[in-house]
Amino acid sequence: MSFRFAFNGIKNLIKYEHNARIHLVSLICVIVFGIILKLDLAEWIAISIVSGLVILTELLNTAIEKLADFVESDWHEKIGIIKDYCAGAVLISAVISTIVGGLIFIPKIIVLIKNFCK
């Protein structure tokens, strides 16, 4: 049953949260480009860790936002600050993920362009 609840949470995240869908589309693009550029095992491990970090922070952010909205449906300064912290966590994880992706993909793309221009 625990797995069913967990997968239901992930399904609902993707179904109802716009930013989660953006992260999912980005992840699919990264996987496709990773296959095309033939990432090695260490690169796939790094991509998996940072991608998991983004999805994890998005899940936690959404859970905390939903809980905060349930507790206090009207705007409240302290709840707004809590939501801002959560959004900041998602932003940090996305930036870290982008940096790691850049470190992995940019050199491979440069080599690909140099080989194409020969």
C-alpha atoms as a PDB file:
ATOM      1  CA  MET A   1       0.000   0.000   0.000  1.00  0.00           C
ATOM      2  CA  SER A   2       2.853   2.393   0.788  1.00  0.00           C
ATOM      3  CA  PHE A   3       4.108   2.204  -2.783  1.00  0.00           C
ATOM      4  CA  ARG A   4       0.613   2.906  -4.089  1.00  0.00           C
ATOM      5  CA  PHE A   5       0.349   6.029  -1.942  1.00  0.00           C
ATOM      6  CA  ALA A   6       3.828   7.141  -3.006  1.00  0.00           C
ATOM      7  CA  PHE A   7       3.117   6.684  -6.709  1.00  0.00           C
ATOM      8  CA  ASN A   8      -0.226   8.446  -6.253  1.00  0.00           C
ATOM      9  CA  GLY A   9       1.652  11.423  -4.764  1.00  0.00           C
ATOM     10  CA  ILE A  10       4.037  11.532  -7.717  1.00  0.00           C
ATOM     11  CA  LYS A  11       1.138  11.201 -10.177  1.00  0.00           C
ATOM     12  CA  ASN A  12      -0.728  14.062  -8.496  1.00  0.00           C
ATOM     13  CA  LEU A  13       2.393  16.207  -8.436  1.00  0.00           C
ATOM     14  CA  ILE A  14       2.791  15.837 -12.196  1.00  0.00           C
ATOM     15  CA  LYS A  15      -0.931  16.183 -12.860  1.00  0.00           C
ATOM     16  CA  TYR A  16      -1.557  19.314 -10.792  1.00  0.00           C
ATOM     17  CA  GLU A  17       1.742  21.173 -10.458  1.00  0.00           C
ATOM     18  CA  HIS A  18       2.898  23.173 -13.495  1.00  0.00           C
ATOM     19  CA  ASN A  19       6.513  23.491 -12.321  1.00  0.00           C
ATOM     20  CA  ALA A  20       6.737  19.745 -11.756  1.00  0.00           C
ATOM     21  CA  ARG A  21       5.738  19.187 -15.380  1.00  0.00           C
ATOM     22  CA  ILE A  22       8.474  21.600 -16.473  1.00  0.00           C
ATOM     23  CA  HIS A  23      10.991  19.640 -14.387  1.00  0.00           C
ATOM     24  CA  LEU A  24       9.740  16.371 -15.893  1.00  0.00           C
ATOM     25  CA  VAL A  25      10.047  17.637 -19.474  1.00  0.00           C
ATOM     26  CA  SER A  26      13.546  18.915 -18.650  1.00  0.00           C
ATOM     27  CA  LEU A  27      14.457  15.515 -17.221  1.00  0.00           C
ATOM     28  CA  ILE A  28      13.211  13.739 -20.339  1.00  0.00           C
ATOM     29  CA  CYS A  29      15.317  16.089 -22.504  1.00  0.00           C
ATOM     30  CA  VAL A  30      18.372  15.440 -20.326  1.00  0.00           C
ATOM     31  CA  ILE A  31      17.874  11.670 -20.641  1.00  0.00           C
ATOM     32  CA  VAL A  32      17.499  11.894 -24.429  1.00  0.00           C
ATOM     33  CA  PHE A  33      20.585  14.116 -24.784  1.00  0.00           C
ATOM     34  CA  GLY A  34      22.477  11.865 -22.378  1.00  0.00           C
ATOM     35  CA  ILE A  35      21.747   8.857 -24.567  1.00  0.00           C
ATOM     36  CA  ILE A  36      22.676  10.759 -27.742  1.00  0.00           C
ATOM     37  CA  LEU A  37      25.929  12.070 -26.222  1.00  0.00           C
ATOM     38  CA  LYS A  38      26.738   8.694 -24.631  1.00  0.00           C
ATOM     39  CA  LEU A  39      27.225   9.780 -21.031  1.00  0.00           C
ATOM     40  CA  ASP A  40      29.459   7.532 -18.955  1.00  0.00           C
ATOM     41  CA  LEU A  41      28.419   5.893 -15.683  1.00  0.00           C
ATOM     42  CA  ALA A  42      29.736   8.675 -13.422  1.00  0.00           C
ATOM     43  CA  GLU A  43      27.905  11.297 -15.498  1.00  0.00           C
ATOM     44  CA  TRP A  44      24.647   9.318 -15.299  1.00  0.00           C
ATOM     45  CA  ILE A  45      25.100   8.998 -11.543  1.00  0.00           C
ATOM     46  CA  ALA A  46      25.566  12.775 -11.193  1.00  0.00           C
ATOM     47  CA  ILE A  47      22.550  13.463 -13.426  1.00  0.00           C
ATOM     48  CA  SER A  48      20.453  10.987 -11.422  1.00  0.00           C
ATOM     49  CA  ILE A  49      21.399  12.546  -8.089  1.00  0.00           C
ATOM     50  CA  VAL A  50      20.698  16.142  -9.078  1.00  0.00           C
ATOM     51  CA  SER A  51      17.520  15.194 -10.948  1.00  0.00           C
ATOM     52  CA  GLY A  52      16.306  13.313  -7.907  1.00  0.00           C
ATOM     53  CA  LEU A  53      17.140  16.334  -5.777  1.00  0.00           C
ATOM     54  CA  VAL A  54      14.963  18.585  -7.949  1.00  0.00           C
ATOM     55  CA  ILE A  55      12.003  16.193  -7.914  1.00  0.00           C
ATOM     56  CA  LEU A  56      12.419  15.650  -4.160  1.00  0.00           C
ATOM     57  CA  THR A  57      12.447  19.370  -3.368  1.00  0.00           C
ATOM     58  CA  GLU A  58       9.450  19.918  -5.664  1.00  0.00           C
ATOM     59  CA  LEU A  59       7.527  17.183  -3.832  1.00  0.00           C
ATOM     60  CA  LEU A  60       8.396  18.609  -0.419  1.00  0.00           C
ATOM     61  CA  ASN A  61       7.632  22.154  -1.534  1.00  0.00           C
ATOM     62  CA  THR A  62       4.225  21.114  -2.813  1.00  0.00           C
ATOM     63  CA  ALA A  63       3.441  19.110   0.325  1.00  0.00           C
ATOM     64  CA  ILE A  64       4.345  22.012   2.602  1.00  0.00           C
ATOM     65  CA  GLU A  65       2.370  24.486   0.472  1.00  0.00           C
ATOM     66  CA  LYS A  66      -0.720  22.251   0.524  1.00  0.00           C
ATOM     67  CA  LEU A  67      -0.419  21.768   4.286  1.00  0.00           C
ATOM     68  CA  ALA A  68       0.023  25.516   4.832  1.00  0.00           C
ATOM     69  CA  ASP A  69      -3.036  26.265   2.683  1.00  0.00           C
ATOM     70  CA  PHE A  70      -5.042  23.711   4.678  1.00  0.00           C
ATOM     71  CA  VAL A  71      -3.979  25.200   7.998  1.00  0.00           C
ATOM     72  CA  GLU A  72      -4.508  28.831   6.954  1.00  0.00           C
ATOM     73  CA  SER A  73      -6.548  29.497   3.822  1.00  0.00           C
ATOM     74  CA  ASP A  74      -6.120  33.281   4.068  1.00  0.00           C
ATOM     75  CA  TRP A  75      -2.816  34.976   3.380  1.00  0.00           C
ATOM     76  CA  HIS A  76      -0.578  35.020   6.435  1.00  0.00           C
ATOM     77  CA  GLU A  77       2.870  36.618   6.558  1.00  0.00           C
ATOM     78  CA  LYS A  78       4.568  33.739   8.399  1.00  0.00           C
ATOM     79  CA  ILE A  79       3.095  31.112   6.075  1.00  0.00           C
ATOM     80  CA  GLY A  80       4.189  33.249   3.130  1.00  0.00           C
ATOM     81  CA  ILE A  81       7.749  33.202   4.475  1.00  0.00           C
ATOM     82  CA  ILE A  82       7.616  29.416   4.887  1.00  0.00           C
ATOM     83  CA  LYS A  83       6.399  29.040   1.308  1.00  0.00           C
ATOM     84  CA  ASP A  84       9.196  31.337   0.127  1.00  0.00           C
ATOM     85  CA  TYR A  85      11.759  29.131   1.904  1.00  0.00           C
ATOM     86  CA  CYS A  86      10.358  26.086   0.168  1.00  0.00           C
ATOM     87  CA  ALA A  87      10.381  27.789  -3.225  1.00  0.00           C
ATOM     88  CA  GLY A  88      13.972  28.834  -2.542  1.00  0.00           C
ATOM     89  CA  ALA A  89      14.898  25.197  -1.888  1.00  0.00           C
ATOM     90  CA  VAL A  90      13.446  24.180  -5.252  1.00  0.00           C
ATOM     91  CA  LEU A  91      15.295  27.025  -6.964  1.00  0.00           C
ATOM     92  CA  ILE A  92      18.605  26.050  -5.366  1.00  0.00           C
ATOM     93  CA  SER A  93      18.170  22.410  -6.382  1.00  0.00           C
ATOM     94  CA  ALA A  94      17.297  23.456  -9.946  1.00  0.00           C
ATOM     95  CA  VAL A  95      20.330  25.764 -10.154  1.00  0.00           C
ATOM     96  CA  ILE A  96      22.633  23.023  -8.840  1.00  0.00           C
ATOM     97  CA  SER A  97      21.122  20.624 -11.353  1.00  0.00           C
ATOM     98  CA  THR A  98      21.659  23.123 -14.174  1.00  0.00           C
ATOM     99  CA  ILE A  99      25.287  23.665 -13.167  1.00  0.00           C
ATOM    100  CA  VAL A 100      25.981  19.925 -13.036  1.00  0.00           C
ATOM    101  CA  GLY A 101      24.210  19.460 -16.371  1.00  0.00           C
ATOM    102  CA  GLY A 102      26.269  22.266 -17.893  1.00  0.00           C
ATOM    103  CA  LEU A 103      29.507  20.777 -16.595  1.00  0.00           C
ATOM    104  CA  ILE A 104      28.592  17.459 -18.167  1.00  0.00           C
ATOM    105  CA  PHE A 105      26.924  18.521 -21.412  1.00  0.00           C
ATOM    106  CA  ILE A 106      28.729  21.693 -22.520  1.00  0.00           C
ATOM    107  CA  PRO A 107      32.146  20.044 -23.104  1.00  0.00           C
ATOM    108  CA  LYS A 108      30.473  17.217 -25.034  1.00  0.00           C
ATOM    109  CA  ILE A 109      28.506  19.696 -27.159  1.00  0.00           C
ATOM    110  CA  ILE A 110      31.683  21.692 -27.873  1.00  0.00           C
ATOM    111  CA  VAL A 111      33.448  18.525 -29.049  1.00  0.00           C
ATOM    112  CA  LEU A 112      30.425  17.623 -31.173  1.00  0.00           C
ATOM    113  CA  ILE A 113      30.411  21.086 -32.791  1.00  0.00           C
ATOM    114  CA  LYS A 114      34.175  20.980 -33.419  1.00  0.00           C
ATOM    115  CA  ASN A 115      33.865  17.569 -35.064  1.00  0.00           C
ATOM    116  CA  PHE A 116      30.905  18.748 -37.151  1.00  0.00           C
ATOM    117  CA  CYS A 117      32.800  21.820 -38.392  1.00  0.00           C
ATOM    118  CA  LYS A 118      35.836  19.837 -39.592  1.00  0.00           C
END
